Amino acid sequence: MPIHVSMESPNNLVDIDAAFLDAGNGHISIAGENNVVRIARQRIAGTVFFSVAGGARIELGDDGILGTLSIHAVAEGAQIVIGRGLGINGMVQITSHERASIRIGNFCLFAPDVTIMASDVHKILDRKSGRRLNPALDVTIEDKVWIAPRAVVLRGAHIRSESVVGWGSVVNGSFPPNSLLAGMPAKVVRKNIRWEH
């Protein structure tokens, strides 16, 4: 069954490859106006559940192999931009519920049950000052990063190219390229690595 697209308003920029819509299944929901959705042709379209709202942006580069991908960019200024050649095995969830960006480079590989979030969704405030303690922060995953099953990448994370994130790790910091990351919270457990498909 092809991917269904629902759009509340014609005042959105939507450029979705027709073959992607025909080959995959799932739903793309575009709510409100001034949203941008660009999805290029994929090698395997898989099952997708995308929602964009409030003037947000979703871009998915070409030549991906998508298992099940859930993307939600649902706030003004929220951006999820993914490069070419994304490989997904199983279910992956990528969300930006607030004004923050998630940028994923080319030729990344994500295993089942990976979650990537630019915010905690709910605000935590200092009781006296009212200052927010957990603001939304940009997430950057550079080219050729492999993320193992059940890993979580949180707001503010920056994973540089040719790195690997171990099973069940929680990533919320900035790390050098060619690093093997593991743990809760993740830390560099080995330097100067590279990986192959």
Protein backbone atom coordinates (compact mmCIF):
# COMPACT_ATOMS: atom_id res chain seq x y z
CA MET A 1 0.00 0.00 0.00
CA PRO A 2 1.54 3.38 -0.96
CA ILE A 3 2.47 6.11 1.49
CA HIS A 4 -0.47 8.42 2.17
CA VAL A 5 0.17 12.19 2.39
CA SER A 6 -2.26 14.48 4.19
CA MET A 7 -1.83 18.24 4.08
CA GLU A 8 -4.03 20.85 5.77
CA SER A 9 -2.96 23.79 3.63
CA PRO A 10 -1.48 24.32 0.15
CA ASN A 11 0.91 26.90 1.68
CA ASN A 12 3.72 24.40 2.22
CA LEU A 13 6.74 23.43 0.12
CA VAL A 14 6.44 19.72 -0.59
CA ASP A 15 8.78 17.82 -2.93
CA ILE A 16 8.43 14.06 -2.43
CA ASP A 17 9.72 11.54 -4.95
CA ALA A 18 6.75 9.72 -6.54
CA ALA A 19 8.56 6.36 -6.59
CA PHE A 20 9.18 6.71 -2.82
CA LEU A 21 5.45 7.21 -2.23
CA ASP A 22 4.52 4.22 -4.40
CA ALA A 23 7.13 1.80 -3.05
CA GLY A 24 6.76 2.46 0.67
CA ASN A 25 3.89 2.42 3.11
CA GLY A 26 2.83 4.58 6.02
CA HIS A 27 1.70 8.17 6.41
CA ILE A 28 3.10 11.69 6.04
CA SER A 29 1.10 14.37 7.87
CA ILE A 30 1.69 18.06 7.13
CA ALA A 31 -0.19 20.38 9.50
CA GLY A 32 -0.44 24.15 9.23
CA GLU A 33 1.52 26.36 6.85
CA ASN A 34 5.11 27.25 5.91
CA ASN A 35 6.42 23.71 6.36
CA VAL A 36 9.08 22.22 4.08
CA VAL A 37 9.13 18.51 3.22
CA ARG A 38 11.71 17.22 0.72
CA ILE A 39 12.18 13.48 0.26
CA ALA A 40 14.39 12.08 -2.49
CA ARG A 41 14.24 8.63 -4.12
CA GLN A 42 15.26 5.78 -1.81
CA ARG A 43 16.67 2.32 -2.62
CA ILE A 44 14.15 0.75 -0.22
CA ALA A 45 11.31 2.97 0.98
CA GLY A 46 10.14 0.85 3.94
CA THR A 47 7.47 2.09 6.35
CA VAL A 48 7.42 5.75 7.32
CA PHE A 49 5.46 7.84 9.80
CA PHE A 50 6.36 11.50 9.32
CA SER A 51 4.67 14.51 10.88
CA VAL A 52 5.63 18.12 10.28
CA ALA A 53 3.83 21.14 11.70
CA GLY A 54 4.15 24.78 12.67
CA GLY A 55 6.64 25.87 10.01
CA ALA A 56 9.10 23.00 10.45
CA ARG A 57 11.39 21.27 7.93
CA ILE A 58 12.09 17.63 7.06
CA GLU A 59 14.63 16.73 4.37
CA LEU A 60 15.69 13.19 3.49
CA GLY A 61 18.52 12.67 0.99
CA ASP A 62 18.54 10.00 -1.70
CA ASP A 63 19.65 6.37 -1.87
CA GLY A 64 18.56 5.28 1.61
CA ILE A 65 17.46 1.88 2.81
CA LEU A 66 14.67 2.53 5.25
CA GLY A 67 13.25 -0.09 7.58
CA THR A 68 10.69 1.71 9.75
CA LEU A 69 11.34 5.42 10.23
CA SER A 70 9.34 7.77 12.42
CA ILE A 71 10.18 11.49 12.07
CA HIS A 72 8.42 14.30 13.91
CA ALA A 73 9.31 18.00 13.44
CA VAL A 74 6.42 19.81 15.05
CA ALA A 75 7.41 23.34 16.01
CA GLU A 76 8.33 26.56 14.27
CA GLY A 77 12.03 26.37 13.47
CA ALA A 78 12.29 22.61 14.07
CA GLN A 79 14.48 21.03 11.40
CA ILE A 80 15.42 17.45 10.65
CA VAL A 81 17.86 17.21 7.74
CA ILE A 82 19.27 13.81 6.74
CA GLY A 83 21.94 13.24 4.10
CA ARG A 84 22.11 10.55 1.46
CA GLY A 85 22.52 6.82 1.90
CA LEU A 86 20.85 6.45 5.31
CA GLY A 87 20.57 2.80 6.35
CA ILE A 88 17.90 1.80 8.86
CA ASN A 89 17.43 -1.71 10.16
CA GLY A 90 14.27 -1.92 12.26
CA MET A 91 12.43 1.02 13.88
CA VAL A 92 14.16 4.39 14.34
CA GLN A 93 12.55 7.50 15.86
CA ILE A 94 13.83 11.05 15.22
CA THR A 95 12.03 13.96 16.90
CA SER A 96 12.31 17.72 17.25
CA HIS A 97 9.37 19.06 19.25
CA GLU A 98 10.85 22.53 19.70
CA ARG A 99 12.96 25.08 17.82
CA ALA A 100 16.09 22.98 17.31
CA SER A 101 17.71 21.08 14.47
CA ILE A 102 18.78 17.50 13.98
CA ARG A 103 21.36 17.11 11.21
CA ILE A 104 22.46 13.68 10.09
CA GLY A 105 25.25 13.30 7.54
CA ASN A 106 25.72 10.93 4.63
CA PHE A 107 25.95 7.13 4.80
CA CYS A 108 24.93 6.70 8.43
CA LEU A 109 23.67 3.33 9.69
CA PHE A 110 21.08 3.04 12.48
CA ALA A 111 20.12 -0.27 14.11
CA PRO A 112 16.69 -1.11 15.62
CA ASP A 113 15.20 0.98 18.41
CA VAL A 114 17.50 4.00 18.00
CA THR A 115 15.98 7.26 19.30
CA ILE A 116 17.27 10.73 18.45
CA MET A 117 15.73 13.77 20.23
CA ALA A 118 16.52 17.49 20.17
CA SER A 119 14.49 18.18 23.31
CA ASP A 120 13.10 16.49 26.39
CA VAL A 121 9.62 17.62 25.21
CA HIS A 122 8.56 18.74 28.71
CA LYS A 123 10.15 21.71 30.47
CA ILE A 124 12.05 21.42 33.73
CA LEU A 125 12.22 24.77 35.52
CA ASP A 126 14.21 26.13 38.43
CA ARG A 127 11.63 26.63 41.16
CA LYS A 128 12.98 30.00 42.34
CA SER A 129 14.00 31.74 39.14
CA GLY A 130 11.66 30.02 36.68
CA ARG A 131 14.65 29.53 34.34
CA ARG A 132 14.41 26.53 32.10
CA LEU A 133 16.98 23.88 32.95
CA ASN A 134 16.55 21.67 29.87
CA PRO A 135 16.25 23.83 26.75
CA ALA A 136 16.10 22.21 23.32
CA LEU A 137 19.55 21.92 21.70
CA ASP A 138 20.72 21.02 18.21
CA VAL A 139 21.89 17.47 17.47
CA THR A 140 24.59 16.76 14.89
CA ILE A 141 25.52 13.32 13.62
CA GLU A 142 28.23 13.64 10.98
CA ASP A 143 28.95 11.38 7.98
CA LYS A 144 29.27 7.61 8.34
CA VAL A 145 28.18 7.13 11.95
CA TRP A 146 26.92 3.69 13.00
CA ILE A 147 24.51 3.63 15.93
CA ALA A 148 23.84 0.21 17.51
CA PRO A 149 20.46 -1.05 18.83
CA ARG A 150 18.63 0.76 21.63
CA ALA A 151 20.99 3.72 21.70
CA VAL A 152 19.57 7.14 22.53
CA VAL A 153 21.02 10.39 21.18
CA LEU A 154 19.87 13.37 23.25
CA ARG A 155 19.71 17.15 22.84
CA GLY A 156 23.09 18.79 22.34
CA ALA A 157 24.87 15.65 21.13
CA HIS A 158 27.56 15.98 18.44
CA ILE A 159 28.85 12.67 17.07
CA ARG A 160 31.62 13.22 14.55
CA SER A 161 32.32 11.20 11.41
CA GLU A 162 33.38 7.55 11.29
CA SER A 163 32.25 6.94 14.87
CA VAL A 164 30.33 4.01 16.36
CA VAL A 165 27.81 4.22 19.22
CA GLY A 166 27.52 1.00 21.26
CA TRP A 167 24.39 -0.94 22.17
CA GLY A 168 22.10 0.85 24.65
CA SER A 169 24.33 3.91 24.99
CA VAL A 170 22.98 7.34 25.92
CA VAL A 171 24.78 10.12 24.04
CA ASN A 172 24.52 13.75 25.16
CA GLY A 173 27.95 15.28 24.65
CA SER A 174 30.42 16.15 21.91
CA PHE A 175 32.91 13.55 20.72
CA PRO A 176 35.92 13.47 18.35
CA PRO A 177 35.81 11.67 15.00
CA ASN A 178 36.71 7.98 14.69
CA SER A 179 35.54 7.22 18.22
CA LEU A 180 33.89 4.15 19.70
CA LEU A 181 31.34 5.42 22.23
CA ALA A 182 29.61 3.32 24.87
CA GLY A 183 27.86 3.65 28.20
CA MET A 184 25.21 5.64 30.06
CA PRO A 185 26.26 8.38 29.65
CA ALA A 186 28.38 7.53 26.62
CA LYS A 187 32.12 8.06 26.75
CA VAL A 188 34.96 7.33 24.35
CA VAL A 189 36.12 3.76 24.96
CA ARG A 190 38.43 3.57 21.94
CA LYS A 191 39.99 6.17 19.60
CA ASN A 192 41.15 6.05 15.99
CA ILE A 193 38.63 3.49 14.73
CA ARG A 194 36.86 3.12 11.43
CA TRP A 195 34.04 0.82 10.39
CA GLU A 196 32.77 -0.92 7.27
CA HIS A 197 29.39 -2.21 6.10
